[in-house]
Amino acid sequence: MKVAVLDINGKETGRKADLSDGVFAIEPNNHAVYLDVKQYLANQRQGTHKAKERAEITGSTRKIKKQKGTGTARAGSIKSGVFRGGGRMFGPRPRNYSFKLNKNLKRLARKSAFSIKASEKSIIVLEDFNFDAPKTKNFTAVLNALDLQNKKSLFVLGTSNNNVYLSSRNLKGSEVIMSSELSTYKILNANQVILLESSLEGIESNLSK
């Protein structure tokens, strides 16, 4: 698949990038995508939720009324979950929501996500660029040139670039990551995926295994 390479002004450079069909043009596996996104979101959960059960409630332990003859249900403790102020029955406890997926499935999910974006023409290949200093207005100018100011965008770098990363950090709709940090969720969550030329080799070598 041939894609025109743009510069930071949004103009074609006259070069074309060759995107691997094995990564950007496969038949998407929706179930793999679902599992990988589910794992990503599960891993974001802290799992620190907690409700007090009857053993943790402060209160008297005496039997609050006699066992028989009241005409109502028997009750042994004011801390029971059936009474106001009592403990929560089967309440949430701290837990770890994360789960594992094998590498081949995660690789398939990322290739499927890229193929979905490619079919939607939501992938831009941009020549490598840098800023002299981290300035948000410089990164905003790039977004405006690529007509991305009102879209969620994901910039994928081939190598670490602190000036570009810091320039984008204050912009809510844009994210800059390394190719090694790619996830299915981030690819699909962006309206437009911008791949810098230096990132293509790393992406294809990691996903073509």
N, C-alpha and C. Protein backbone atom coordinates (compact mmCIF):
# COMPACT_ATOMS: atom_id res chain seq x y z
N MET A 1 0.85 -1.19 0.00
CA MET A 1 0.00 0.00 0.00
C MET A 1 0.89 1.25 0.00
N LYS A 2 0.70 2.11 -0.97
CA LYS A 2 1.49 3.33 -1.08
C LYS A 2 0.72 4.51 -0.49
N VAL A 3 1.41 5.29 0.35
CA VAL A 3 0.80 6.46 0.98
C VAL A 3 1.75 7.63 0.80
N ALA A 4 1.20 8.78 0.40
CA ALA A 4 2.02 9.98 0.21
C ALA A 4 2.57 10.46 1.55
N VAL A 5 3.83 10.86 1.54
CA VAL A 5 4.48 11.40 2.76
C VAL A 5 4.29 12.91 2.76
N LEU A 6 3.75 13.43 3.87
CA LEU A 6 3.51 14.86 4.00
C LEU A 6 4.58 15.50 4.87
N ASP A 7 4.74 16.84 4.70
CA ASP A 7 5.62 17.58 5.62
C ASP A 7 4.76 18.24 6.69
N ILE A 8 5.38 18.96 7.62
CA ILE A 8 4.62 19.54 8.74
C ILE A 8 3.72 20.69 8.29
N ASN A 9 3.83 21.10 7.04
CA ASN A 9 2.93 22.13 6.50
C ASN A 9 1.74 21.51 5.78
N GLY A 10 1.66 20.18 5.80
CA GLY A 10 0.54 19.50 5.17
C GLY A 10 0.69 19.33 3.67
N LYS A 11 1.89 19.60 3.14
CA LYS A 11 2.13 19.49 1.70
C LYS A 11 2.81 18.15 1.39
N GLU A 12 2.54 17.61 0.23
CA GLU A 12 3.18 16.37 -0.19
C GLU A 12 4.66 16.62 -0.49
N THR A 13 5.49 15.71 -0.03
CA THR A 13 6.94 15.85 -0.24
C THR A 13 7.38 15.27 -1.59
N GLY A 14 6.48 14.55 -2.26
CA GLY A 14 6.83 13.89 -3.51
C GLY A 14 7.28 12.46 -3.30
N ARG A 15 7.45 12.06 -2.05
CA ARG A 15 7.82 10.68 -1.73
C ARG A 15 6.59 9.90 -1.31
N LYS A 16 6.66 8.59 -1.44
CA LYS A 16 5.58 7.72 -0.99
C LYS A 16 6.13 6.66 -0.05
N ALA A 17 5.39 6.38 1.01
CA ALA A 17 5.78 5.34 1.96
C ALA A 17 5.05 4.05 1.59
N ASP A 18 5.76 2.96 1.67
CA ASP A 18 5.18 1.65 1.33
C ASP A 18 4.76 0.97 2.63
N LEU A 19 3.45 0.95 2.89
CA LEU A 19 2.92 0.32 4.10
C LEU A 19 2.67 -1.16 3.83
N SER A 20 3.15 -2.00 4.72
CA SER A 20 3.03 -3.45 4.54
C SER A 20 1.57 -3.90 4.55
N ASP A 21 1.20 -4.70 3.53
CA ASP A 21 -0.16 -5.23 3.50
C ASP A 21 -0.41 -6.20 4.65
N GLY A 22 0.65 -6.80 5.17
CA GLY A 22 0.51 -7.74 6.28
C GLY A 22 0.20 -7.06 7.59
N VAL A 23 0.33 -5.74 7.63
CA VAL A 23 0.04 -4.97 8.85
C VAL A 23 -1.14 -4.03 8.64
N PHE A 24 -1.21 -3.40 7.47
CA PHE A 24 -2.19 -2.34 7.25
C PHE A 24 -3.34 -2.75 6.32
N ALA A 25 -3.35 -4.00 5.85
CA ALA A 25 -4.40 -4.38 4.90
C ALA A 25 -4.86 -5.82 5.13
N ILE A 26 -4.94 -6.23 6.40
CA ILE A 26 -5.43 -7.58 6.68
C ILE A 26 -6.94 -7.54 6.91
N GLU A 27 -7.56 -8.72 6.94
CA GLU A 27 -8.97 -8.81 7.31
C GLU A 27 -9.05 -8.66 8.83
N PRO A 28 -9.66 -7.57 9.34
CA PRO A 28 -9.66 -7.33 10.79
C PRO A 28 -10.33 -8.46 11.57
N ASN A 29 -9.72 -8.83 12.66
CA ASN A 29 -10.29 -9.82 13.57
C ASN A 29 -10.95 -9.07 14.73
N ASN A 30 -12.27 -8.93 14.65
CA ASN A 30 -12.98 -8.10 15.62
C ASN A 30 -12.91 -8.65 17.03
N HIS A 31 -12.88 -9.98 17.17
CA HIS A 31 -12.83 -10.54 18.51
C HIS A 31 -11.48 -10.28 19.18
N ALA A 32 -10.41 -10.35 18.40
CA ALA A 32 -9.08 -10.03 18.94
C ALA A 32 -9.03 -8.57 19.38
N VAL A 33 -9.62 -7.69 18.56
CA VAL A 33 -9.67 -6.27 18.91
C VAL A 33 -10.45 -6.08 20.21
N TYR A 34 -11.59 -6.74 20.32
CA TYR A 34 -12.42 -6.64 21.53
C TYR A 34 -11.64 -7.07 22.77
N LEU A 35 -10.94 -8.19 22.69
CA LEU A 35 -10.22 -8.71 23.85
C LEU A 35 -9.07 -7.77 24.26
N ASP A 36 -8.37 -7.24 23.26
CA ASP A 36 -7.24 -6.38 23.57
C ASP A 36 -7.70 -5.06 24.18
N VAL A 37 -8.77 -4.49 23.65
CA VAL A 37 -9.32 -3.25 24.22
C VAL A 37 -9.86 -3.51 25.62
N LYS A 38 -10.53 -4.65 25.80
CA LYS A 38 -11.05 -5.01 27.11
C LYS A 38 -9.91 -5.13 28.13
N GLN A 39 -8.81 -5.75 27.73
CA GLN A 39 -7.67 -5.88 28.64
C GLN A 39 -7.08 -4.52 28.98
N TYR A 40 -6.94 -3.65 27.98
CA TYR A 40 -6.38 -2.32 28.22
C TYR A 40 -7.22 -1.55 29.24
N LEU A 41 -8.55 -1.56 29.05
CA LEU A 41 -9.42 -0.83 29.96
C LEU A 41 -9.44 -1.47 31.35
N ALA A 42 -9.38 -2.80 31.40
CA ALA A 42 -9.36 -3.49 32.70
C ALA A 42 -8.09 -3.14 33.46
N ASN A 43 -6.98 -3.00 32.74
CA ASN A 43 -5.72 -2.68 33.40
C ASN A 43 -5.68 -1.26 33.94
N GLN A 44 -6.57 -0.38 33.45
CA GLN A 44 -6.63 0.99 33.96
C GLN A 44 -7.38 1.08 35.29
N ARG A 45 -8.13 0.05 35.62
CA ARG A 45 -8.94 0.08 36.85
C ARG A 45 -8.06 -0.13 38.07
N GLN A 46 -8.25 0.71 39.09
CA GLN A 46 -7.45 0.59 40.30
C GLN A 46 -7.94 -0.57 41.16
N GLY A 47 -9.23 -0.83 41.14
CA GLY A 47 -9.77 -1.92 41.93
C GLY A 47 -9.68 -1.68 43.43
N THR A 48 -9.72 -0.41 43.85
CA THR A 48 -9.61 -0.08 45.28
C THR A 48 -10.98 0.10 45.95
N HIS A 49 -12.06 -0.28 45.27
CA HIS A 49 -13.39 -0.11 45.84
C HIS A 49 -13.57 -1.03 47.05
N LYS A 50 -14.26 -0.51 48.06
CA LYS A 50 -14.44 -1.28 49.30
C LYS A 50 -15.67 -0.78 50.02
N ALA A 51 -16.50 -1.72 50.49
CA ALA A 51 -17.64 -1.39 51.35
C ALA A 51 -17.49 -2.20 52.63
N LYS A 52 -17.93 -1.64 53.75
CA LYS A 52 -17.82 -2.34 55.04
C LYS A 52 -18.90 -3.41 55.15
N GLU A 53 -18.48 -4.57 55.59
CA GLU A 53 -19.42 -5.65 55.86
C GLU A 53 -19.74 -5.67 57.35
N ARG A 54 -20.62 -6.54 57.75
CA ARG A 54 -21.14 -6.47 59.13
C ARG A 54 -20.04 -6.64 60.18
N ALA A 55 -19.02 -7.37 59.89
CA ALA A 55 -17.94 -7.57 60.85
C ALA A 55 -17.11 -6.30 61.04
N GLU A 56 -17.20 -5.35 60.10
CA GLU A 56 -16.39 -4.14 60.16
C GLU A 56 -17.17 -2.93 60.66
N ILE A 57 -18.46 -3.09 60.91
CA ILE A 57 -19.30 -1.99 61.37
C ILE A 57 -19.16 -1.83 62.89
N THR A 58 -19.09 -0.56 63.33
CA THR A 58 -19.07 -0.29 64.76
C THR A 58 -20.50 -0.34 65.30
N GLY A 59 -20.71 -1.11 66.32
CA GLY A 59 -22.06 -1.21 66.89
C GLY A 59 -22.15 -2.33 67.90
N SER A 60 -23.27 -2.38 68.61
CA SER A 60 -23.46 -3.40 69.64
C SER A 60 -23.62 -4.78 69.01
N THR A 61 -23.19 -5.77 69.77
CA THR A 61 -23.33 -7.15 69.32
C THR A 61 -24.45 -7.88 70.04
N ARG A 62 -25.16 -7.16 70.88
CA ARG A 62 -26.24 -7.84 71.62
C ARG A 62 -27.38 -8.20 70.67
N LYS A 63 -28.11 -9.22 71.06
CA LYS A 63 -29.30 -9.60 70.29
C LYS A 63 -30.36 -8.53 70.51
N ILE A 64 -30.88 -7.95 69.42
CA ILE A 64 -31.70 -6.75 69.57
C ILE A 64 -33.14 -7.03 69.98
N LYS A 65 -33.60 -8.26 69.86
CA LYS A 65 -34.95 -8.62 70.31
C LYS A 65 -35.00 -10.13 70.50
N LYS A 66 -36.03 -10.55 71.16
CA LYS A 66 -36.12 -11.98 71.43
C LYS A 66 -36.36 -12.75 70.13
N GLN A 67 -36.02 -14.02 70.18
CA GLN A 67 -36.04 -14.84 68.97
C GLN A 67 -37.46 -15.08 68.47
N LYS A 68 -38.37 -15.34 69.38
CA LYS A 68 -39.73 -15.72 68.98
C LYS A 68 -40.77 -14.78 69.58
N GLY A 69 -41.93 -14.80 68.99
CA GLY A 69 -43.08 -14.12 69.56
C GLY A 69 -43.25 -12.68 69.15
N THR A 70 -42.38 -12.15 68.28
CA THR A 70 -42.51 -10.74 67.88
C THR A 70 -43.38 -10.57 66.63
N GLY A 71 -43.60 -11.67 65.93
CA GLY A 71 -44.38 -11.58 64.69
C GLY A 71 -43.57 -11.14 63.49
N THR A 72 -42.31 -10.87 63.71
CA THR A 72 -41.44 -10.46 62.60
C THR A 72 -40.26 -11.44 62.51
N ALA A 73 -39.42 -11.21 61.54
CA ALA A 73 -38.29 -12.11 61.34
C ALA A 73 -37.31 -12.02 62.50
N ARG A 74 -36.63 -13.13 62.77
CA ARG A 74 -35.63 -13.13 63.82
C ARG A 74 -34.44 -12.25 63.42
N ALA A 75 -33.83 -11.64 64.39
CA ALA A 75 -32.69 -10.76 64.13
C ALA A 75 -31.69 -10.89 65.26
N GLY A 76 -30.41 -11.02 64.92
CA GLY A 76 -29.41 -11.24 65.94
C GLY A 76 -28.50 -10.05 66.18
N SER A 77 -28.39 -9.12 65.23
CA SER A 77 -27.43 -8.03 65.37
C SER A 77 -27.92 -6.79 64.64
N ILE A 78 -27.68 -5.63 65.27
CA ILE A 78 -28.05 -4.36 64.64
C ILE A 78 -27.15 -4.07 63.44
N LYS A 79 -26.03 -4.82 63.36
CA LYS A 79 -25.07 -4.60 62.26
C LYS A 79 -25.44 -5.40 61.00
N SER A 80 -26.55 -6.11 61.05
CA SER A 80 -26.98 -6.89 59.89
C SER A 80 -27.27 -5.98 58.71
N GLY A 81 -27.02 -6.47 57.51
CA GLY A 81 -27.23 -5.67 56.31
C GLY A 81 -28.69 -5.32 56.03
N VAL A 82 -29.63 -5.96 56.71
CA VAL A 82 -31.04 -5.65 56.46
C VAL A 82 -31.48 -4.40 57.22
N PHE A 83 -30.66 -3.90 58.15
CA PHE A 83 -31.00 -2.70 58.92
C PHE A 83 -30.23 -1.49 58.42
N ARG A 84 -30.85 -0.34 58.58
CA ARG A 84 -30.19 0.90 58.21
C ARG A 84 -28.94 1.09 59.09
N GLY A 85 -27.82 1.42 58.46
CA GLY A 85 -26.58 1.57 59.19
C GLY A 85 -25.80 0.28 59.35
N GLY A 86 -26.39 -0.81 58.85
CA GLY A 86 -25.70 -2.09 58.95
C GLY A 86 -24.67 -2.26 57.85
N GLY A 87 -24.00 -3.40 57.86
CA GLY A 87 -22.98 -3.66 56.86
C GLY A 87 -23.58 -3.97 55.50
N ARG A 88 -22.77 -3.80 54.48
CA ARG A 88 -23.21 -4.09 53.12
C ARG A 88 -23.07 -5.59 52.87
N MET A 89 -24.12 -6.20 52.39
CA MET A 89 -24.07 -7.64 52.10
C MET A 89 -23.44 -7.87 50.74
N PHE A 90 -22.42 -8.69 50.70
CA PHE A 90 -21.70 -9.02 49.46
C PHE A 90 -21.21 -7.77 48.74
N GLY A 91 -20.68 -6.83 49.51
CA GLY A 91 -20.20 -5.57 48.94
C GLY A 91 -18.91 -5.74 48.17
N PRO A 92 -18.50 -4.71 47.45
CA PRO A 92 -17.25 -4.80 46.67
C PRO A 92 -16.03 -4.87 47.57
N ARG A 93 -15.05 -5.63 47.15
CA ARG A 93 -13.78 -5.75 47.86
C ARG A 93 -12.65 -5.40 46.92
N PRO A 94 -11.50 -4.94 47.43
CA PRO A 94 -10.36 -4.65 46.54
C PRO A 94 -9.98 -5.88 45.72
N ARG A 95 -9.75 -5.65 44.42
CA ARG A 95 -9.39 -6.76 43.55
C ARG A 95 -8.60 -6.25 42.36
N ASN A 96 -7.93 -7.14 41.71
CA ASN A 96 -7.14 -6.83 40.53
C ASN A 96 -7.92 -7.27 39.29
N TYR A 97 -8.24 -6.32 38.41
CA TYR A 97 -9.05 -6.62 37.23
C TYR A 97 -8.23 -7.08 36.03
N SER A 98 -6.92 -6.99 36.12
CA SER A 98 -6.09 -7.29 34.95
C SER A 98 -6.16 -8.78 34.60
N PHE A 99 -5.95 -9.06 33.32
CA PHE A 99 -5.87 -10.45 32.87
C PHE A 99 -4.88 -10.51 31.71
N LYS A 100 -4.43 -11.69 31.38
CA LYS A 100 -3.38 -11.86 30.38
C LYS A 100 -3.94 -12.29 29.03
N LEU A 101 -3.26 -11.83 27.98
CA LEU A 101 -3.53 -12.29 26.62
C LEU A 101 -2.20 -12.69 26.00
N ASN A 102 -2.24 -13.67 25.11
CA ASN A 102 -0.96 -14.07 24.50
C ASN A 102 -0.51 -13.04 23.45
N LYS A 103 0.79 -13.06 23.17
CA LYS A 103 1.39 -12.04 22.32
C LYS A 103 0.85 -12.08 20.89
N ASN A 104 0.58 -13.29 20.38
CA ASN A 104 0.10 -13.40 19.00
C ASN A 104 -1.27 -12.75 18.84
N LEU A 105 -2.13 -12.92 19.86
CA LEU A 105 -3.46 -12.30 19.79
C LEU A 105 -3.35 -10.78 19.85
N LYS A 106 -2.49 -10.27 20.73
CA LYS A 106 -2.33 -8.82 20.84
C LYS A 106 -1.74 -8.24 19.55
N ARG A 107 -0.82 -8.98 18.94
CA ARG A 107 -0.24 -8.54 17.67
C ARG A 107 -1.31 -8.51 16.58
N LEU A 108 -2.15 -9.53 16.54
CA LEU A 108 -3.24 -9.57 15.56
C LEU A 108 -4.21 -8.42 15.78
N ALA A 109 -4.49 -8.09 17.06
CA ALA A 109 -5.42 -7.00 17.36
C ALA A 109 -4.88 -5.66 16.87
N ARG A 110 -3.58 -5.42 17.07
CA ARG A 110 -2.99 -4.16 16.62
C ARG A 110 -2.96 -4.06 15.09
N LYS A 111 -2.68 -5.18 14.44
CA LYS A 111 -2.72 -5.18 12.96
C LYS A 111 -4.14 -4.93 12.47
N SER A 112 -5.12 -5.51 13.16
CA SER A 112 -6.52 -5.30 12.79
C SER A 112 -6.90 -3.84 12.97
N ALA A 113 -6.43 -3.23 14.06
CA ALA A 113 -6.74 -1.82 14.31
C ALA A 113 -6.13 -0.93 13.23
N PHE A 114 -4.88 -1.19 12.85
CA PHE A 114 -4.25 -0.42 11.78
C PHE A 114 -4.99 -0.62 10.46
N SER A 115 -5.43 -1.84 10.19
CA SER A 115 -6.13 -2.12 8.94
C SER A 115 -7.48 -1.40 8.89
N ILE A 116 -8.14 -1.31 10.05
CA ILE A 116 -9.41 -0.58 10.12
C ILE A 116 -9.17 0.90 9.82
N LYS A 117 -8.13 1.47 10.43
CA LYS A 117 -7.82 2.88 10.21
C LYS A 117 -7.40 3.14 8.75
N ALA A 118 -6.66 2.19 8.18
CA ALA A 118 -6.24 2.37 6.79
C ALA A 118 -7.43 2.32 5.85
N SER A 119 -8.38 1.43 6.13
CA SER A 119 -9.57 1.34 5.27
C SER A 119 -10.43 2.58 5.38
N GLU A 120 -10.35 3.27 6.54
CA GLU A 120 -11.10 4.52 6.73
C GLU A 120 -10.31 5.73 6.25
N LYS A 121 -9.12 5.49 5.70
CA LYS A 121 -8.22 6.57 5.25
C LYS A 121 -7.91 7.53 6.40
N SER A 122 -7.67 6.95 7.56
CA SER A 122 -7.39 7.73 8.77
C SER A 122 -5.95 7.62 9.21
N ILE A 123 -5.07 7.27 8.28
CA ILE A 123 -3.64 7.19 8.58
C ILE A 123 -2.89 8.20 7.72
N ILE A 124 -2.06 9.00 8.36
CA ILE A 124 -1.20 9.97 7.67
C ILE A 124 0.25 9.60 7.94
N VAL A 125 1.07 9.62 6.89
CA VAL A 125 2.51 9.42 7.07
C VAL A 125 3.19 10.78 6.96
N LEU A 126 3.91 11.13 8.01
CA LEU A 126 4.51 12.46 8.11
C LEU A 126 6.03 12.32 8.17
N GLU A 127 6.73 13.22 7.47
CA GLU A 127 8.18 13.16 7.56
C GLU A 127 8.62 13.54 8.96
N ASP A 128 9.77 13.04 9.38
CA ASP A 128 10.28 13.33 10.73
C ASP A 128 10.52 14.82 10.90
N PHE A 129 10.18 15.31 12.09
CA PHE A 129 10.39 16.73 12.37
C PHE A 129 10.80 16.90 13.83
N ASN A 130 11.29 18.10 14.14
CA ASN A 130 11.71 18.41 15.50
C ASN A 130 11.49 19.89 15.75
N PHE A 131 11.43 20.28 17.01
CA PHE A 131 11.32 21.68 17.39
C PHE A 131 12.59 22.09 18.13
N ASP A 132 12.95 23.39 18.00
CA ASP A 132 14.13 23.88 18.71
C ASP A 132 13.92 23.89 20.22
N ALA A 133 12.66 24.11 20.60
CA ALA A 133 12.32 24.13 22.03
C ALA A 133 10.88 23.67 22.17
N PRO A 134 10.52 23.14 23.33
CA PRO A 134 9.13 22.70 23.51
C PRO A 134 8.17 23.88 23.60
N LYS A 135 7.35 24.05 22.57
CA LYS A 135 6.36 25.12 22.56
C LYS A 135 5.05 24.58 22.01
N THR A 136 3.98 24.80 22.75
CA THR A 136 2.68 24.29 22.34
C THR A 136 2.23 24.89 21.02
N LYS A 137 2.56 26.16 20.80
CA LYS A 137 2.09 26.81 19.56
C LYS A 137 2.72 26.18 18.32
N ASN A 138 3.94 25.64 18.46
CA ASN A 138 4.56 24.96 17.32
C ASN A 138 3.80 23.69 16.96
N PHE A 139 3.40 22.95 17.98
CA PHE A 139 2.65 21.72 17.72
C PHE A 139 1.25 22.05 17.21
N THR A 140 0.66 23.12 17.72
CA THR A 140 -0.66 23.55 17.25
C THR A 140 -0.61 23.93 15.77
N ALA A 141 0.49 24.53 15.34
CA ALA A 141 0.64 24.90 13.94
C ALA A 141 0.67 23.65 13.05
N VAL A 142 1.30 22.58 13.54
CA VAL A 142 1.32 21.32 12.78
C VAL A 142 -0.09 20.75 12.68
N LEU A 143 -0.83 20.79 13.79
CA LEU A 143 -2.22 20.29 13.78
C LEU A 143 -3.08 21.08 12.81
N ASN A 144 -2.91 22.39 12.81
CA ASN A 144 -3.69 23.24 11.89
C ASN A 144 -3.35 22.94 10.43
N ALA A 145 -2.07 22.73 10.15
CA ALA A 145 -1.64 22.44 8.78
C ALA A 145 -2.20 21.11 8.29
N LEU A 146 -2.38 20.15 9.21
CA LEU A 146 -2.90 18.84 8.84
C LEU A 146 -4.42 18.76 9.03
N ASP A 147 -5.03 19.89 9.40
CA ASP A 147 -6.49 19.96 9.61
C ASP A 147 -6.93 18.98 10.70
N LEU A 148 -6.20 19.00 11.81
CA LEU A 148 -6.49 18.08 12.92
C LEU A 148 -6.86 18.82 14.20
N GLN A 149 -7.10 20.13 14.09
CA GLN A 149 -7.31 20.90 15.31
C GLN A 149 -8.55 20.47 16.10
N ASN A 150 -9.55 19.92 15.42
CA ASN A 150 -10.78 19.51 16.11
C ASN A 150 -10.95 17.99 16.12
N LYS A 151 -9.84 17.27 15.95
CA LYS A 151 -9.92 15.81 15.93
C LYS A 151 -8.96 15.22 16.96
N LYS A 152 -9.30 14.04 17.43
CA LYS A 152 -8.38 13.33 18.30
C LYS A 152 -7.27 12.73 17.44
N SER A 153 -6.04 13.05 17.76
CA SER A 153 -4.92 12.60 16.92
C SER A 153 -3.89 11.85 17.75
N LEU A 154 -3.29 10.86 17.13
CA LEU A 154 -2.24 10.06 17.76
C LEU A 154 -0.98 10.14 16.89
N PHE A 155 0.08 10.76 17.42
CA PHE A 155 1.35 10.86 16.70
C PHE A 155 2.27 9.75 17.19
N VAL A 156 2.80 8.98 16.25
CA VAL A 156 3.66 7.85 16.60
C VAL A 156 5.09 8.16 16.15
N LEU A 157 5.99 8.25 17.12
CA LEU A 157 7.39 8.57 16.84
C LEU A 157 8.22 7.30 16.75
N GLY A 158 9.27 7.36 15.95
CA GLY A 158 10.17 6.23 15.85
C GLY A 158 11.19 6.22 16.97
N THR A 159 11.66 7.43 17.36
CA THR A 159 12.63 7.57 18.44
C THR A 159 12.14 8.65 19.40
N SER A 160 12.66 8.62 20.59
CA SER A 160 12.24 9.58 21.61
C SER A 160 12.57 11.01 21.17
N ASN A 161 11.59 11.90 21.31
CA ASN A 161 11.77 13.30 20.95
C ASN A 161 11.08 14.15 22.02
N ASN A 162 11.88 14.62 22.96
CA ASN A 162 11.32 15.31 24.13
C ASN A 162 10.63 16.61 23.77
N ASN A 163 11.19 17.36 22.81
CA ASN A 163 10.59 18.65 22.45
C ASN A 163 9.21 18.48 21.83
N VAL A 164 9.06 17.48 20.97
CA VAL A 164 7.75 17.24 20.35
C VAL A 164 6.76 16.75 21.41
N TYR A 165 7.22 15.85 22.27
CA TYR A 165 6.33 15.31 23.31
C TYR A 165 5.84 16.42 24.25
N LEU A 166 6.76 17.26 24.74
CA LEU A 166 6.39 18.33 25.68
C LEU A 166 5.52 19.38 24.99
N SER A 167 5.73 19.59 23.70
CA SER A 167 4.91 20.58 22.98
C SER A 167 3.46 20.15 22.85
N SER A 168 3.22 18.83 22.89
CA SER A 168 1.86 18.32 22.71
C SER A 168 1.14 18.07 24.02
N ARG A 169 1.88 18.13 25.14
CA ARG A 169 1.34 17.64 26.40
C ARG A 169 0.14 18.44 26.91
N ASN A 170 0.05 19.71 26.57
CA ASN A 170 -1.06 20.54 27.05
C ASN A 170 -2.29 20.45 26.17
N LEU A 171 -2.21 19.74 25.06
CA LEU A 171 -3.32 19.66 24.12
C LEU A 171 -4.14 18.41 24.40
N LYS A 172 -5.38 18.62 24.79
CA LYS A 172 -6.23 17.51 25.25
C LYS A 172 -6.49 16.48 24.15
N GLY A 173 -6.64 16.93 22.91
CA GLY A 173 -7.04 16.02 21.85
C GLY A 173 -5.91 15.32 21.13
N SER A 174 -4.66 15.59 21.53
CA SER A 174 -3.51 15.00 20.83
C SER A 174 -2.64 14.23 21.81
N GLU A 175 -2.06 13.15 21.30
CA GLU A 175 -1.16 12.34 22.11
C GLU A 175 0.04 11.95 21.25
N VAL A 176 1.22 12.02 21.86
CA VAL A 176 2.46 11.64 21.18
C VAL A 176 3.06 10.45 21.92
N ILE A 177 3.29 9.36 21.21
CA ILE A 177 3.85 8.16 21.83
C ILE A 177 4.94 7.59 20.95
N MET A 178 5.71 6.67 21.51
CA MET A 178 6.70 5.93 20.74
C MET A 178 6.01 4.74 20.09
N SER A 179 6.62 4.22 19.04
CA SER A 179 6.03 3.06 18.36
C SER A 179 5.95 1.85 19.30
N SER A 180 6.85 1.78 20.27
CA SER A 180 6.84 0.67 21.23
C SER A 180 5.70 0.78 22.22
N GLU A 181 5.05 1.93 22.30
CA GLU A 181 3.95 2.16 23.26
C GLU A 181 2.58 2.00 22.62
N LEU A 182 2.54 1.56 21.38
CA LEU A 182 1.27 1.44 20.67
C LEU A 182 0.36 0.41 21.33
N SER A 183 -0.92 0.71 21.36
CA SER A 183 -1.91 -0.25 21.83
C SER A 183 -3.13 -0.18 20.91
N THR A 184 -3.87 -1.26 20.88
CA THR A 184 -5.08 -1.30 20.04
C THR A 184 -6.05 -0.19 20.44
N TYR A 185 -6.20 0.01 21.74
CA TYR A 185 -7.14 1.04 22.21
C TYR A 185 -6.74 2.43 21.70
N LYS A 186 -5.46 2.77 21.81
CA LYS A 186 -5.02 4.11 21.40
C LYS A 186 -5.18 4.32 19.90
N ILE A 187 -4.93 3.26 19.13
CA ILE A 187 -5.09 3.38 17.67
C ILE A 187 -6.54 3.65 17.31
N LEU A 188 -7.45 2.88 17.91
CA LEU A 188 -8.87 3.01 17.57
C LEU A 188 -9.50 4.25 18.18
N ASN A 189 -8.96 4.72 19.31
CA ASN A 189 -9.54 5.88 20.00
C ASN A 189 -9.26 7.18 19.27
N ALA A 190 -8.23 7.18 18.41
CA ALA A 190 -7.88 8.41 17.68
C ALA A 190 -8.69 8.52 16.39
N ASN A 191 -9.07 9.74 16.05
CA ASN A 191 -9.72 9.97 14.76
C ASN A 191 -8.72 9.86 13.61
N GLN A 192 -7.48 10.28 13.90
CA GLN A 192 -6.44 10.24 12.88
C GLN A 192 -5.13 9.74 13.50
N VAL A 193 -4.50 8.79 12.85
CA VAL A 193 -3.21 8.26 13.32
C VAL A 193 -2.12 8.81 12.40
N ILE A 194 -1.15 9.51 13.00
CA ILE A 194 -0.07 10.13 12.23
C ILE A 194 1.21 9.36 12.51
N LEU A 195 1.71 8.69 11.49
CA LEU A 195 2.92 7.88 11.63
C LEU A 195 4.10 8.65 11.06
N LEU A 196 5.10 8.92 11.89
CA LEU A 196 6.31 9.52 11.36
C LEU A 196 7.11 8.46 10.61
N GLU A 197 7.82 8.90 9.60
CA GLU A 197 8.54 7.96 8.72
C GLU A 197 9.44 7.00 9.51
N SER A 198 10.09 7.53 10.54
CA SER A 198 11.03 6.70 11.30
C SER A 198 10.34 5.63 12.11
N SER A 199 9.03 5.74 12.30
CA SER A 199 8.29 4.75 13.11
C SER A 199 7.85 3.55 12.29
N LEU A 200 7.82 3.68 10.98
CA LEU A 200 7.26 2.62 10.14
C LEU A 200 8.04 1.32 10.25
N GLU A 201 9.36 1.41 10.23
CA GLU A 201 10.18 0.20 10.29
C GLU A 201 9.95 -0.55 11.60
N GLY A 202 9.90 0.19 12.72
CA GLY A 202 9.68 -0.44 14.01
C GLY A 202 8.32 -1.08 14.13
N ILE A 203 7.29 -0.39 13.62
CA ILE A 203 5.93 -0.93 13.68
C ILE A 203 5.84 -2.22 12.88
N GLU A 204 6.34 -2.20 11.66
CA GLU A 204 6.21 -3.37 10.79
C GLU A 204 7.06 -4.54 11.29
N SER A 205 8.24 -4.25 11.84
CA SER A 205 9.07 -5.36 12.36
C SER A 205 8.45 -5.97 13.60
N ASN A 206 7.80 -5.16 14.44
CA ASN A 206 7.17 -5.70 15.66
C ASN A 206 5.91 -6.48 15.35
N LEU A 207 5.17 -6.08 14.33
CA LEU A 207 3.88 -6.71 14.05
C LEU A 207 3.95 -7.77 12.96
N SER A 208 5.06 -7.90 12.30
CA SER A 208 5.19 -8.88 11.23
C SER A 208 5.78 -10.21 11.70
N LYS A 209 6.02 -10.33 12.99
CA LYS A 209 6.63 -11.55 13.53
C LYS A 209 5.66 -12.72 13.47
